[in-house]
Amino acid sequence: GLTGQIRYRVADRNLYAYLFGVNNPFAHV
């Protein structure tokens, strides 16, 4: 079993992928 955290943020240089390219980007990542 593994425990831990990740830090993430939206890439402002690839907003197209986040808004229109991927249906649920957080689930994909």
mmCIF file of all heavy atoms, coordinates in Angstrom:
data_MODEL
# 
_entry.id   MODEL 
# 
loop_
_atom_site.group_PDB 
_atom_site.id 
_atom_site.type_symbol 
_atom_site.label_atom_id 
_atom_site.label_alt_id 
_atom_site.label_comp_id 
_atom_site.label_asym_id 
_atom_site.label_entity_id 
_atom_site.label_seq_id 
_atom_site.pdbx_PDB_ins_code 
_atom_site.Cartn_x 
_atom_site.Cartn_y 
_atom_site.Cartn_z 
_atom_site.occupancy 
_atom_site.B_iso_or_equiv 
_atom_site.pdbx_formal_charge 
_atom_site.auth_seq_id 
_atom_site.auth_comp_id 
_atom_site.auth_asym_id 
_atom_site.auth_atom_id 
_atom_site.pdbx_PDB_model_num 
ATOM 1   N N   . GLY A 1 1  ? 0.823   -1.204 0.000   1.00 0.00 ? 1  GLY A N   1 
ATOM 2   C CA  . GLY A 1 1  ? 0.000   0.000  0.000   1.00 0.00 ? 1  GLY A CA  1 
ATOM 3   C C   . GLY A 1 1  ? 0.859   1.256  0.000   1.00 0.00 ? 1  GLY A C   1 
ATOM 4   O O   . GLY A 1 1  ? 1.831   1.354  0.754   1.00 0.00 ? 1  GLY A O   1 
ATOM 5   N N   . LEU A 1 2  ? 0.501   2.213  -0.829  1.00 0.00 ? 2  LEU A N   1 
ATOM 6   C CA  . LEU A 1 2  ? 1.258   3.461  -0.968  1.00 0.00 ? 2  LEU A CA  1 
ATOM 7   C C   . LEU A 1 2  ? 0.393   4.633  -0.528  1.00 0.00 ? 2  LEU A C   1 
ATOM 8   O O   . LEU A 1 2  ? -0.793  4.693  -0.836  1.00 0.00 ? 2  LEU A O   1 
ATOM 9   C CB  . LEU A 1 2  ? 1.694   3.671  -2.412  1.00 0.00 ? 2  LEU A CB  1 
ATOM 10  C CG  . LEU A 1 2  ? 2.466   2.524  -3.075  1.00 0.00 ? 2  LEU A CG  1 
ATOM 11  C CD1 . LEU A 1 2  ? 2.682   2.822  -4.544  1.00 0.00 ? 2  LEU A CD1 1 
ATOM 12  C CD2 . LEU A 1 2  ? 3.791   2.304  -2.381  1.00 0.00 ? 2  LEU A CD2 1 
ATOM 13  N N   . THR A 1 3  ? 1.005   5.543  0.187   1.00 0.00 ? 3  THR A N   1 
ATOM 14  C CA  . THR A 1 3  ? 0.318   6.769  0.607   1.00 0.00 ? 3  THR A CA  1 
ATOM 15  C C   . THR A 1 3  ? 1.178   7.970  0.229   1.00 0.00 ? 3  THR A C   1 
ATOM 16  O O   . THR A 1 3  ? 2.413   7.882  0.203   1.00 0.00 ? 3  THR A O   1 
ATOM 17  C CB  . THR A 1 3  ? 0.060   6.788  2.123   1.00 0.00 ? 3  THR A CB  1 
ATOM 18  O OG1 . THR A 1 3  ? 1.309   6.610  2.818   1.00 0.00 ? 3  THR A OG1 1 
ATOM 19  C CG2 . THR A 1 3  ? -0.902  5.679  2.519   1.00 0.00 ? 3  THR A CG2 1 
ATOM 20  N N   . GLY A 1 4  ? 0.527   9.066  -0.059  1.00 0.00 ? 4  GLY A N   1 
ATOM 21  C CA  . GLY A 1 4  ? 1.248   10.274 -0.422  1.00 0.00 ? 4  GLY A CA  1 
ATOM 22  C C   . GLY A 1 4  ? 0.336   11.274 -1.105  1.00 0.00 ? 4  GLY A C   1 
ATOM 23  O O   . GLY A 1 4  ? -0.882  11.074 -1.208  1.00 0.00 ? 4  GLY A O   1 
ATOM 24  N N   . GLN A 1 5  ? 0.918   12.344 -1.586  1.00 0.00 ? 5  GLN A N   1 
ATOM 25  C CA  . GLN A 1 5  ? 0.164   13.420 -2.224  1.00 0.00 ? 5  GLN A CA  1 
ATOM 26  C C   . GLN A 1 5  ? 0.872   13.863 -3.495  1.00 0.00 ? 5  GLN A C   1 
ATOM 27  O O   . GLN A 1 5  ? 2.068   13.603 -3.683  1.00 0.00 ? 5  GLN A O   1 
ATOM 28  C CB  . GLN A 1 5  ? 0.012   14.620 -1.286  1.00 0.00 ? 5  GLN A CB  1 
ATOM 29  C CG  . GLN A 1 5  ? -0.939  14.396 -0.120  1.00 0.00 ? 5  GLN A CG  1 
ATOM 30  C CD  . GLN A 1 5  ? -1.143  15.658 0.684   1.00 0.00 ? 5  GLN A CD  1 
ATOM 31  O OE1 . GLN A 1 5  ? -0.303  16.547 0.715   1.00 0.00 ? 5  GLN A OE1 1 
ATOM 32  N NE2 . GLN A 1 5  ? -2.288  15.762 1.350   1.00 0.00 ? 5  GLN A NE2 1 
ATOM 33  N N   . ILE A 1 6  ? 0.125   14.548 -4.345  1.00 0.00 ? 6  ILE A N   1 
ATOM 34  C CA  . ILE A 1 6  ? 0.688   15.175 -5.534  1.00 0.00 ? 6  ILE A CA  1 
ATOM 35  C C   . ILE A 1 6  ? 0.236   16.627 -5.589  1.00 0.00 ? 6  ILE A C   1 
ATOM 36  O O   . ILE A 1 6  ? -0.828  16.972 -5.077  1.00 0.00 ? 6  ILE A O   1 
ATOM 37  C CB  . ILE A 1 6  ? 0.274   14.451 -6.834  1.00 0.00 ? 6  ILE A CB  1 
ATOM 38  C CG1 . ILE A 1 6  ? -1.251  14.498 -7.012  1.00 0.00 ? 6  ILE A CG1 1 
ATOM 39  C CG2 . ILE A 1 6  ? 0.764   13.017 -6.847  1.00 0.00 ? 6  ILE A CG2 1 
ATOM 40  C CD1 . ILE A 1 6  ? -1.714  13.991 -8.361  1.00 0.00 ? 6  ILE A CD1 1 
ATOM 41  N N   . ARG A 1 7  ? 1.090   17.471 -6.161  1.00 0.00 ? 7  ARG A N   1 
ATOM 42  C CA  . ARG A 1 7  ? 0.743   18.873 -6.401  1.00 0.00 ? 7  ARG A CA  1 
ATOM 43  C C   . ARG A 1 7  ? 0.566   19.063 -7.899  1.00 0.00 ? 7  ARG A C   1 
ATOM 44  O O   . ARG A 1 7  ? 1.389   18.581 -8.687  1.00 0.00 ? 7  ARG A O   1 
ATOM 45  C CB  . ARG A 1 7  ? 1.826   19.804 -5.863  1.00 0.00 ? 7  ARG A CB  1 
ATOM 46  C CG  . ARG A 1 7  ? 1.944   19.828 -4.361  1.00 0.00 ? 7  ARG A CG  1 
ATOM 47  C CD  . ARG A 1 7  ? 2.602   21.132 -3.888  1.00 0.00 ? 7  ARG A CD  1 
ATOM 48  N NE  . ARG A 1 7  ? 3.834   21.414 -4.610  1.00 0.00 ? 7  ARG A NE  1 
ATOM 49  C CZ  . ARG A 1 7  ? 5.047   21.077 -4.169  1.00 0.00 ? 7  ARG A CZ  1 
ATOM 50  N NH1 . ARG A 1 7  ? 5.169   20.427 -3.032  1.00 0.00 ? 7  ARG A NH1 1 
ATOM 51  N NH2 . ARG A 1 7  ? 6.119   21.383 -4.881  1.00 0.00 ? 7  ARG A NH2 1 
ATOM 52  N N   . TYR A 1 8  ? -0.465  19.794 -8.275  1.00 0.00 ? 8  TYR A N   1 
ATOM 53  C CA  . TYR A 1 8  ? -0.758  19.973 -9.695  1.00 0.00 ? 8  TYR A CA  1 
ATOM 54  C C   . TYR A 1 8  ? -1.336  21.367 -9.928  1.00 0.00 ? 8  TYR A C   1 
ATOM 55  O O   . TYR A 1 8  ? -1.780  22.052 -8.995  1.00 0.00 ? 8  TYR A O   1 
ATOM 56  C CB  . TYR A 1 8  ? -1.765  18.913 -10.166 1.00 0.00 ? 8  TYR A CB  1 
ATOM 57  C CG  . TYR A 1 8  ? -3.132  19.049 -9.525  1.00 0.00 ? 8  TYR A CG  1 
ATOM 58  C CD1 . TYR A 1 8  ? -4.144  19.775 -10.135 1.00 0.00 ? 8  TYR A CD1 1 
ATOM 59  C CD2 . TYR A 1 8  ? -3.397  18.479 -8.286  1.00 0.00 ? 8  TYR A CD2 1 
ATOM 60  C CE1 . TYR A 1 8  ? -5.387  19.923 -9.540  1.00 0.00 ? 8  TYR A CE1 1 
ATOM 61  C CE2 . TYR A 1 8  ? -4.629  18.619 -7.677  1.00 0.00 ? 8  TYR A CE2 1 
ATOM 62  C CZ  . TYR A 1 8  ? -5.621  19.343 -8.310  1.00 0.00 ? 8  TYR A CZ  1 
ATOM 63  O OH  . TYR A 1 8  ? -6.851  19.490 -7.708  1.00 0.00 ? 8  TYR A OH  1 
ATOM 64  N N   . ARG A 1 9  ? -1.313  21.781 -11.181 1.00 0.00 ? 9  ARG A N   1 
ATOM 65  C CA  . ARG A 1 9  ? -1.920  23.046 -11.587 1.00 0.00 ? 9  ARG A CA  1 
ATOM 66  C C   . ARG A 1 9  ? -2.223  22.970 -13.085 1.00 0.00 ? 9  ARG A C   1 
ATOM 67  O O   . ARG A 1 9  ? -1.632  22.162 -13.809 1.00 0.00 ? 9  ARG A O   1 
ATOM 68  C CB  . ARG A 1 9  ? -0.998  24.233 -11.297 1.00 0.00 ? 9  ARG A CB  1 
ATOM 69  C CG  . ARG A 1 9  ? 0.351   24.145 -11.981 1.00 0.00 ? 9  ARG A CG  1 
ATOM 70  C CD  . ARG A 1 9  ? 1.241   25.319 -11.614 1.00 0.00 ? 9  ARG A CD  1 
ATOM 71  N NE  . ARG A 1 9  ? 2.576   25.155 -12.148 1.00 0.00 ? 9  ARG A NE  1 
ATOM 72  C CZ  . ARG A 1 9  ? 2.943   25.469 -13.384 1.00 0.00 ? 9  ARG A CZ  1 
ATOM 73  N NH1 . ARG A 1 9  ? 2.030   25.982 -14.226 1.00 0.00 ? 9  ARG A NH1 1 
ATOM 74  N NH2 . ARG A 1 9  ? 4.180   25.307 -13.800 1.00 0.00 ? 9  ARG A NH2 1 
ATOM 75  N N   . VAL A 1 10 ? -3.118  23.823 -13.526 1.00 0.00 ? 10 VAL A N   1 
ATOM 76  C CA  . VAL A 1 10 ? -3.479  23.870 -14.938 1.00 0.00 ? 10 VAL A CA  1 
ATOM 77  C C   . VAL A 1 10 ? -2.344  24.530 -15.720 1.00 0.00 ? 10 VAL A C   1 
ATOM 78  O O   . VAL A 1 10 ? -1.786  25.551 -15.287 1.00 0.00 ? 10 VAL A O   1 
ATOM 79  C CB  . VAL A 1 10 ? -4.796  24.636 -15.135 1.00 0.00 ? 10 VAL A CB  1 
ATOM 80  C CG1 . VAL A 1 10 ? -5.111  24.777 -16.622 1.00 0.00 ? 10 VAL A CG1 1 
ATOM 81  C CG2 . VAL A 1 10 ? -5.930  23.933 -14.410 1.00 0.00 ? 10 VAL A CG2 1 
ATOM 82  N N   . ALA A 1 11 ? -1.987  23.939 -16.851 1.00 0.00 ? 11 ALA A N   1 
ATOM 83  C CA  . ALA A 1 11 ? -0.917  24.484 -17.688 1.00 0.00 ? 11 ALA A CA  1 
ATOM 84  C C   . ALA A 1 11 ? -1.489  25.597 -18.560 1.00 0.00 ? 11 ALA A C   1 
ATOM 85  O O   . ALA A 1 11 ? -2.253  25.337 -19.493 1.00 0.00 ? 11 ALA A O   1 
ATOM 86  C CB  . ALA A 1 11 ? -0.306  23.383 -18.554 1.00 0.00 ? 11 ALA A CB  1 
ATOM 87  N N   . ASP A 1 12 ? -1.139  26.855 -18.246 1.00 0.00 ? 12 ASP A N   1 
ATOM 88  C CA  . ASP A 1 12 ? -1.683  27.975 -19.017 1.00 0.00 ? 12 ASP A CA  1 
ATOM 89  C C   . ASP A 1 12 ? -1.120  28.033 -20.432 1.00 0.00 ? 12 ASP A C   1 
ATOM 90  O O   . ASP A 1 12 ? -1.593  28.814 -21.260 1.00 0.00 ? 12 ASP A O   1 
ATOM 91  C CB  . ASP A 1 12 ? -1.434  29.296 -18.290 1.00 0.00 ? 12 ASP A CB  1 
ATOM 92  C CG  . ASP A 1 12 ? 0.037   29.499 -17.948 1.00 0.00 ? 12 ASP A CG  1 
ATOM 93  O OD1 . ASP A 1 12 ? 0.860   28.614 -18.284 1.00 0.00 ? 12 ASP A OD1 1 
ATOM 94  O OD2 . ASP A 1 12 ? 0.373   30.545 -17.339 1.00 0.00 ? 12 ASP A OD2 1 
ATOM 95  N N   . ARG A 1 13 ? -0.099  27.206 -20.735 1.00 0.00 ? 13 ARG A N   1 
ATOM 96  C CA  . ARG A 1 13 ? 0.458   27.156 -22.090 1.00 0.00 ? 13 ARG A CA  1 
ATOM 97  C C   . ARG A 1 13 ? -0.197  26.071 -22.927 1.00 0.00 ? 13 ARG A C   1 
ATOM 98  O O   . ARG A 1 13 ? 0.166   25.888 -24.079 1.00 0.00 ? 13 ARG A O   1 
ATOM 99  C CB  . ARG A 1 13 ? 1.972   26.943 -22.017 1.00 0.00 ? 13 ARG A CB  1 
ATOM 100 C CG  . ARG A 1 13 ? 2.686   28.093 -21.324 1.00 0.00 ? 13 ARG A CG  1 
ATOM 101 C CD  . ARG A 1 13 ? 4.113   27.779 -20.995 1.00 0.00 ? 13 ARG A CD  1 
ATOM 102 N NE  . ARG A 1 13 ? 4.909   27.541 -22.182 1.00 0.00 ? 13 ARG A NE  1 
ATOM 103 C CZ  . ARG A 1 13 ? 6.224   27.278 -22.143 1.00 0.00 ? 13 ARG A CZ  1 
ATOM 104 N NH1 . ARG A 1 13 ? 6.844   27.217 -20.978 1.00 0.00 ? 13 ARG A NH1 1 
ATOM 105 N NH2 . ARG A 1 13 ? 6.887   27.081 -23.259 1.00 0.00 ? 13 ARG A NH2 1 
ATOM 106 N N   . ASN A 1 14 ? -1.136  25.341 -22.340 1.00 0.00 ? 14 ASN A N   1 
ATOM 107 C CA  . ASN A 1 14 ? -1.863  24.323 -23.099 1.00 0.00 ? 14 ASN A CA  1 
ATOM 108 C C   . ASN A 1 14 ? -3.311  24.278 -22.620 1.00 0.00 ? 14 ASN A C   1 
ATOM 109 O O   . ASN A 1 14 ? -3.834  23.222 -22.250 1.00 0.00 ? 14 ASN A O   1 
ATOM 110 C CB  . ASN A 1 14 ? -1.191  22.955 -22.944 1.00 0.00 ? 14 ASN A CB  1 
ATOM 111 C CG  . ASN A 1 14 ? -1.698  21.946 -23.947 1.00 0.00 ? 14 ASN A CG  1 
ATOM 112 O OD1 . ASN A 1 14 ? -2.394  22.285 -24.910 1.00 0.00 ? 14 ASN A OD1 1 
ATOM 113 N ND2 . ASN A 1 14 ? -1.370  20.677 -23.729 1.00 0.00 ? 14 ASN A ND2 1 
ATOM 114 N N   . LEU A 1 15 ? -3.964  25.428 -22.622 1.00 0.00 ? 15 LEU A N   1 
ATOM 115 C CA  . LEU A 1 15 ? -5.348  25.499 -22.163 1.00 0.00 ? 15 LEU A CA  1 
ATOM 116 C C   . LEU A 1 15 ? -6.305  24.798 -23.114 1.00 0.00 ? 15 LEU A C   1 
ATOM 117 O O   . LEU A 1 15 ? -7.392  24.376 -22.707 1.00 0.00 ? 15 LEU A O   1 
ATOM 118 C CB  . LEU A 1 15 ? -5.769  26.966 -21.985 1.00 0.00 ? 15 LEU A CB  1 
ATOM 119 C CG  . LEU A 1 15 ? -5.154  27.697 -20.784 1.00 0.00 ? 15 LEU A CG  1 
ATOM 120 C CD1 . LEU A 1 15 ? -5.647  29.132 -20.747 1.00 0.00 ? 15 LEU A CD1 1 
ATOM 121 C CD2 . LEU A 1 15 ? -5.500  26.978 -19.490 1.00 0.00 ? 15 LEU A CD2 1 
ATOM 122 N N   . TYR A 1 16 ? -5.928  24.670 -24.376 1.00 0.00 ? 16 TYR A N   1 
ATOM 123 C CA  . TYR A 1 16 ? -6.824  24.001 -25.320 1.00 0.00 ? 16 TYR A CA  1 
ATOM 124 C C   . TYR A 1 16 ? -7.046  22.549 -24.901 1.00 0.00 ? 16 TYR A C   1 
ATOM 125 O O   . TYR A 1 16 ? -8.172  22.049 -24.931 1.00 0.00 ? 16 TYR A O   1 
ATOM 126 C CB  . TYR A 1 16 ? -6.249  24.063 -26.734 1.00 0.00 ? 16 TYR A CB  1 
ATOM 127 C CG  . TYR A 1 16 ? -7.206  23.547 -27.787 1.00 0.00 ? 16 TYR A CG  1 
ATOM 128 C CD1 . TYR A 1 16 ? -8.051  24.415 -28.472 1.00 0.00 ? 16 TYR A CD1 1 
ATOM 129 C CD2 . TYR A 1 16 ? -7.283  22.188 -28.098 1.00 0.00 ? 16 TYR A CD2 1 
ATOM 130 C CE1 . TYR A 1 16 ? -8.944  23.953 -29.426 1.00 0.00 ? 16 TYR A CE1 1 
ATOM 131 C CE2 . TYR A 1 16 ? -8.164  21.710 -29.047 1.00 0.00 ? 16 TYR A CE2 1 
ATOM 132 C CZ  . TYR A 1 16 ? -8.996  22.589 -29.707 1.00 0.00 ? 16 TYR A CZ  1 
ATOM 133 O OH  . TYR A 1 16 ? -9.879  22.115 -30.649 1.00 0.00 ? 16 TYR A OH  1 
ATOM 134 N N   . ALA A 1 17 ? -5.945  21.848 -24.512 1.00 0.00 ? 17 ALA A N   1 
ATOM 135 C CA  . ALA A 1 17 ? -6.084  20.453 -24.095 1.00 0.00 ? 17 ALA A CA  1 
ATOM 136 C C   . ALA A 1 17 ? -6.959  20.352 -22.847 1.00 0.00 ? 17 ALA A C   1 
ATOM 137 O O   . ALA A 1 17 ? -7.792  19.451 -22.730 1.00 0.00 ? 17 ALA A O   1 
ATOM 138 C CB  . ALA A 1 17 ? -4.707  19.847 -23.840 1.00 0.00 ? 17 ALA A CB  1 
ATOM 139 N N   . TYR A 1 18 ? -6.779  21.286 -21.906 1.00 0.00 ? 18 TYR A N   1 
ATOM 140 C CA  . TYR A 1 18 ? -7.547  21.229 -20.661 1.00 0.00 ? 18 TYR A CA  1 
ATOM 141 C C   . TYR A 1 18 ? -9.017  21.537 -20.881 1.00 0.00 ? 18 TYR A C   1 
ATOM 142 O O   . TYR A 1 18 ? -9.897  20.875 -20.295 1.00 0.00 ? 18 TYR A O   1 
ATOM 143 C CB  . TYR A 1 18 ? -6.942  22.204 -19.654 1.00 0.00 ? 18 TYR A CB  1 
ATOM 144 C CG  . TYR A 1 18 ? -7.645  22.189 -18.314 1.00 0.00 ? 18 TYR A CG  1 
ATOM 145 C CD1 . TYR A 1 18 ? -7.352  21.210 -17.374 1.00 0.00 ? 18 TYR A CD1 1 
ATOM 146 C CD2 . TYR A 1 18 ? -8.597  23.151 -17.991 1.00 0.00 ? 18 TYR A CD2 1 
ATOM 147 C CE1 . TYR A 1 18 ? -8.002  21.188 -16.144 1.00 0.00 ? 18 TYR A CE1 1 
ATOM 148 C CE2 . TYR A 1 18 ? -9.240  23.136 -16.773 1.00 0.00 ? 18 TYR A CE2 1 
ATOM 149 C CZ  . TYR A 1 18 ? -8.947  22.147 -15.850 1.00 0.00 ? 18 TYR A CZ  1 
ATOM 150 O OH  . TYR A 1 18 ? -9.589  22.129 -14.642 1.00 0.00 ? 18 TYR A OH  1 
ATOM 151 N N   . LEU A 1 19 ? -9.322  22.503 -21.734 1.00 0.00 ? 19 LEU A N   1 
ATOM 152 C CA  . LEU A 1 19 ? -10.714 22.937 -21.910 1.00 0.00 ? 19 LEU A CA  1 
ATOM 153 C C   . LEU A 1 19 ? -11.463 22.148 -22.977 1.00 0.00 ? 19 LEU A C   1 
ATOM 154 O O   . LEU A 1 19 ? -12.649 21.842 -22.807 1.00 0.00 ? 19 LEU A O   1 
ATOM 155 C CB  . LEU A 1 19 ? -10.747 24.427 -22.264 1.00 0.00 ? 19 LEU A CB  1 
ATOM 156 C CG  . LEU A 1 19 ? -10.307 25.395 -21.157 1.00 0.00 ? 19 LEU A CG  1 
ATOM 157 C CD1 . LEU A 1 19 ? -10.200 26.805 -21.702 1.00 0.00 ? 19 LEU A CD1 1 
ATOM 158 C CD2 . LEU A 1 19 ? -11.266 25.348 -19.980 1.00 0.00 ? 19 LEU A CD2 1 
ATOM 159 N N   . PHE A 1 20 ? -10.770 21.811 -24.060 1.00 0.00 ? 20 PHE A N   1 
ATOM 160 C CA  . PHE A 1 20 ? -11.488 21.241 -25.206 1.00 0.00 ? 20 PHE A CA  1 
ATOM 161 C C   . PHE A 1 20 ? -10.935 19.889 -25.674 1.00 0.00 ? 20 PHE A C   1 
ATOM 162 O O   . PHE A 1 20 ? -11.654 19.137 -26.316 1.00 0.00 ? 20 PHE A O   1 
ATOM 163 C CB  . PHE A 1 20 ? -11.444 22.226 -26.394 1.00 0.00 ? 20 PHE A CB  1 
ATOM 164 C CG  . PHE A 1 20 ? -11.763 23.638 -26.022 1.00 0.00 ? 20 PHE A CG  1 
ATOM 165 C CD1 . PHE A 1 20 ? -10.775 24.607 -26.028 1.00 0.00 ? 20 PHE A CD1 1 
ATOM 166 C CD2 . PHE A 1 20 ? -13.046 23.999 -25.651 1.00 0.00 ? 20 PHE A CD2 1 
ATOM 167 C CE1 . PHE A 1 20 ? -11.068 25.916 -25.695 1.00 0.00 ? 20 PHE A CE1 1 
ATOM 168 C CE2 . PHE A 1 20 ? -13.349 25.305 -25.311 1.00 0.00 ? 20 PHE A CE2 1 
ATOM 169 C CZ  . PHE A 1 20 ? -12.350 26.272 -25.327 1.00 0.00 ? 20 PHE A CZ  1 
ATOM 170 N N   . GLY A 1 21 ? -9.668  19.595 -25.371 1.00 0.00 ? 21 GLY A N   1 
ATOM 171 C CA  . GLY A 1 21 ? -9.058  18.395 -25.931 1.00 0.00 ? 21 GLY A CA  1 
ATOM 172 C C   . GLY A 1 21 ? -9.349  17.132 -25.158 1.00 0.00 ? 21 GLY A C   1 
ATOM 173 O O   . GLY A 1 21 ? -9.415  16.042 -25.736 1.00 0.00 ? 21 GLY A O   1 
ATOM 174 N N   . VAL A 1 22 ? -9.494  17.232 -23.833 1.00 0.00 ? 22 VAL A N   1 
ATOM 175 C CA  . VAL A 1 22 ? -9.684  16.064 -22.974 1.00 0.00 ? 22 VAL A CA  1 
ATOM 176 C C   . VAL A 1 22 ? -10.985 16.250 -22.214 1.00 0.00 ? 22 VAL A C   1 
ATOM 177 O O   . VAL A 1 22 ? -11.260 17.346 -21.682 1.00 0.00 ? 22 VAL A O   1 
ATOM 178 C CB  . VAL A 1 22 ? -8.500  15.890 -22.000 1.00 0.00 ? 22 VAL A CB  1 
ATOM 179 C CG1 . VAL A 1 22 ? -8.679  14.647 -21.150 1.00 0.00 ? 22 VAL A CG1 1 
ATOM 180 C CG2 . VAL A 1 22 ? -7.178  15.811 -22.769 1.00 0.00 ? 22 VAL A CG2 1 
ATOM 181 N N   . ASN A 1 23 ? -11.780 15.186 -22.128 1.00 0.00 ? 23 ASN A N   1 
ATOM 182 C CA  . ASN A 1 23 ? -13.084 15.265 -21.480 1.00 0.00 ? 23 ASN A CA  1 
ATOM 183 C C   . ASN A 1 23 ? -12.947 15.539 -19.990 1.00 0.00 ? 23 ASN A C   1 
ATOM 184 O O   . ASN A 1 23 ? -13.623 16.413 -19.437 1.00 0.00 ? 23 ASN A O   1 
ATOM 185 C CB  . ASN A 1 23 ? -13.860 13.972 -21.715 1.00 0.00 ? 23 ASN A CB  1 
ATOM 186 C CG  . ASN A 1 23 ? -15.274 14.049 -21.163 1.00 0.00 ? 23 ASN A CG  1 
ATOM 187 O OD1 . ASN A 1 23 ? -15.848 15.131 -21.079 1.00 0.00 ? 23 ASN A OD1 1 
ATOM 188 N ND2 . ASN A 1 23 ? -15.839 12.913 -20.806 1.00 0.00 ? 23 ASN A ND2 1 
ATOM 189 N N   . ASN A 1 24 ? -12.070 14.777 -19.320 1.00 0.00 ? 24 ASN A N   1 
ATOM 190 C CA  . ASN A 1 24 ? -11.847 14.949 -17.887 1.00 0.00 ? 24 ASN A CA  1 
ATOM 191 C C   . ASN A 1 24 ? -10.341 14.923 -17.649 1.00 0.00 ? 24 ASN A C   1 
ATOM 192 O O   . ASN A 1 24 ? -9.767  13.881 -17.346 1.00 0.00 ? 24 ASN A O   1 
ATOM 193 C CB  . ASN A 1 24 ? -12.545 13.846 -17.086 1.00 0.00 ? 24 ASN A CB  1 
ATOM 194 C CG  . ASN A 1 24 ? -12.543 14.135 -15.588 1.00 0.00 ? 24 ASN A CG  1 
ATOM 195 O OD1 . ASN A 1 24 ? -11.784 14.978 -15.103 1.00 0.00 ? 24 ASN A OD1 1 
ATOM 196 N ND2 . ASN A 1 24 ? -13.385 13.427 -14.857 1.00 0.00 ? 24 ASN A ND2 1 
ATOM 197 N N   . PRO A 1 25 ? -9.653  16.058 -17.818 1.00 0.00 ? 25 PRO A N   1 
ATOM 198 C CA  . PRO A 1 25 ? -8.194  16.050 -17.771 1.00 0.00 ? 25 PRO A CA  1 
ATOM 199 C C   . PRO A 1 25 ? -7.624  15.586 -16.443 1.00 0.00 ? 25 PRO A C   1 
ATOM 200 O O   . PRO A 1 25 ? -6.601  14.900 -16.407 1.00 0.00 ? 25 PRO A O   1 
ATOM 201 C CB  . PRO A 1 25 ? -7.822  17.516 -18.064 1.00 0.00 ? 25 PRO A CB  1 
ATOM 202 C CG  . PRO A 1 25 ? -9.072  18.295 -17.933 1.00 0.00 ? 25 PRO A CG  1 
ATOM 203 C CD  . PRO A 1 25 ? -10.209 17.373 -18.122 1.00 0.00 ? 25 PRO A CD  1 
ATOM 204 N N   . PHE A 1 26 ? -8.260  15.929 -15.320 1.00 0.00 ? 26 PHE A N   1 
ATOM 205 C CA  . PHE A 1 26 ? -7.714  15.526 -14.023 1.00 0.00 ? 26 PHE A CA  1 
ATOM 206 C C   . PHE A 1 26 ? -7.772  14.004 -13.863 1.00 0.00 ? 26 PHE A C   1 
ATOM 207 O O   . PHE A 1 26 ? -6.843  13.392 -13.341 1.00 0.00 ? 26 PHE A O   1 
ATOM 208 C CB  . PHE A 1 26 ? -8.483  16.206 -12.893 1.00 0.00 ? 26 PHE A CB  1 
ATOM 209 C CG  . PHE A 1 26 ? -7.906  15.920 -11.527 1.00 0.00 ? 26 PHE A CG  1 
ATOM 210 C CD1 . PHE A 1 26 ? -6.646  16.354 -11.190 1.00 0.00 ? 26 PHE A CD1 1 
ATOM 211 C CD2 . PHE A 1 26 ? -8.632  15.194 -10.595 1.00 0.00 ? 26 PHE A CD2 1 
ATOM 212 C CE1 . PHE A 1 26 ? -6.107  16.085 -9.938  1.00 0.00 ? 26 PHE A CE1 1 
ATOM 213 C CE2 . PHE A 1 26 ? -8.114  14.914 -9.346  1.00 0.00 ? 26 PHE A CE2 1 
ATOM 214 C CZ  . PHE A 1 26 ? -6.845  15.366 -9.019  1.00 0.00 ? 26 PHE A CZ  1 
ATOM 215 N N   . ALA A 1 27 ? -8.854  13.380 -14.335 1.00 0.00 ? 27 ALA A N   1 
ATOM 216 C CA  . ALA A 1 27 ? -8.948  11.923 -14.265 1.00 0.00 ? 27 ALA A CA  1 
ATOM 217 C C   . ALA A 1 27 ? -7.884  11.272 -15.149 1.00 0.00 ? 27 ALA A C   1 
ATOM 218 O O   . ALA A 1 27 ? -7.277  10.253 -14.768 1.00 0.00 ? 27 ALA A O   1 
ATOM 219 C CB  . ALA A 1 27 ? -10.342 11.464 -14.687 1.00 0.00 ? 27 ALA A CB  1 
ATOM 220 N N   . HIS A 1 28 ? -7.639  11.856 -16.313 1.00 0.00 ? 28 HIS A N   1 
ATOM 221 C CA  . HIS A 1 28 ? -6.619  11.313 -17.208 1.00 0.00 ? 28 HIS A CA  1 
ATOM 222 C C   . HIS A 1 28 ? -5.229  11.410 -16.576 1.00 0.00 ? 28 HIS A C   1 
ATOM 223 O O   . HIS A 1 28 ? -4.446  10.463 -16.631 1.00 0.00 ? 28 HIS A O   1 
ATOM 224 C CB  . HIS A 1 28 ? -6.642  12.050 -18.549 1.00 0.00 ? 28 HIS A CB  1 
ATOM 225 C CG  . HIS A 1 28 ? -7.689  11.552 -19.489 1.00 0.00 ? 28 HIS A CG  1 
ATOM 226 N ND1 . HIS A 1 28 ? -9.027  11.842 -19.337 1.00 0.00 ? 28 HIS A ND1 1 
ATOM 227 C CD2 . HIS A 1 28 ? -7.601  10.769 -20.597 1.00 0.00 ? 28 HIS A CD2 1 
ATOM 228 C CE1 . HIS A 1 28 ? -9.720  11.276 -20.315 1.00 0.00 ? 28 HIS A CE1 1 
ATOM 229 N NE2 . HIS A 1 28 ? -8.879  10.614 -21.093 1.00 0.00 ? 28 HIS A NE2 1 
ATOM 230 N N   . VAL A 1 29 ? -4.923  12.564 -15.998 1.00 0.00 ? 29 VAL A N   1 
ATOM 231 C CA  . VAL A 1 29 ? -3.580  12.742 -15.451 1.00 0.00 ? 29 VAL A CA  1 
ATOM 232 C C   . VAL A 1 29 ? -3.379  11.882 -14.205 1.00 0.00 ? 29 VAL A C   1 
ATOM 233 O O   . VAL A 1 29 ? -2.282  11.368 -13.953 1.00 0.00 ? 29 VAL A O   1 
ATOM 234 C CB  . VAL A 1 29 ? -3.309  14.234 -15.152 1.00 0.00 ? 29 VAL A CB  1 
ATOM 235 C CG1 . VAL A 1 29 ? -3.967  14.686 -13.862 1.00 0.00 ? 29 VAL A CG1 1 
ATOM 236 C CG2 . VAL A 1 29 ? -1.815  14.505 -15.094 1.00 0.00 ? 29 VAL A CG2 1 
# 
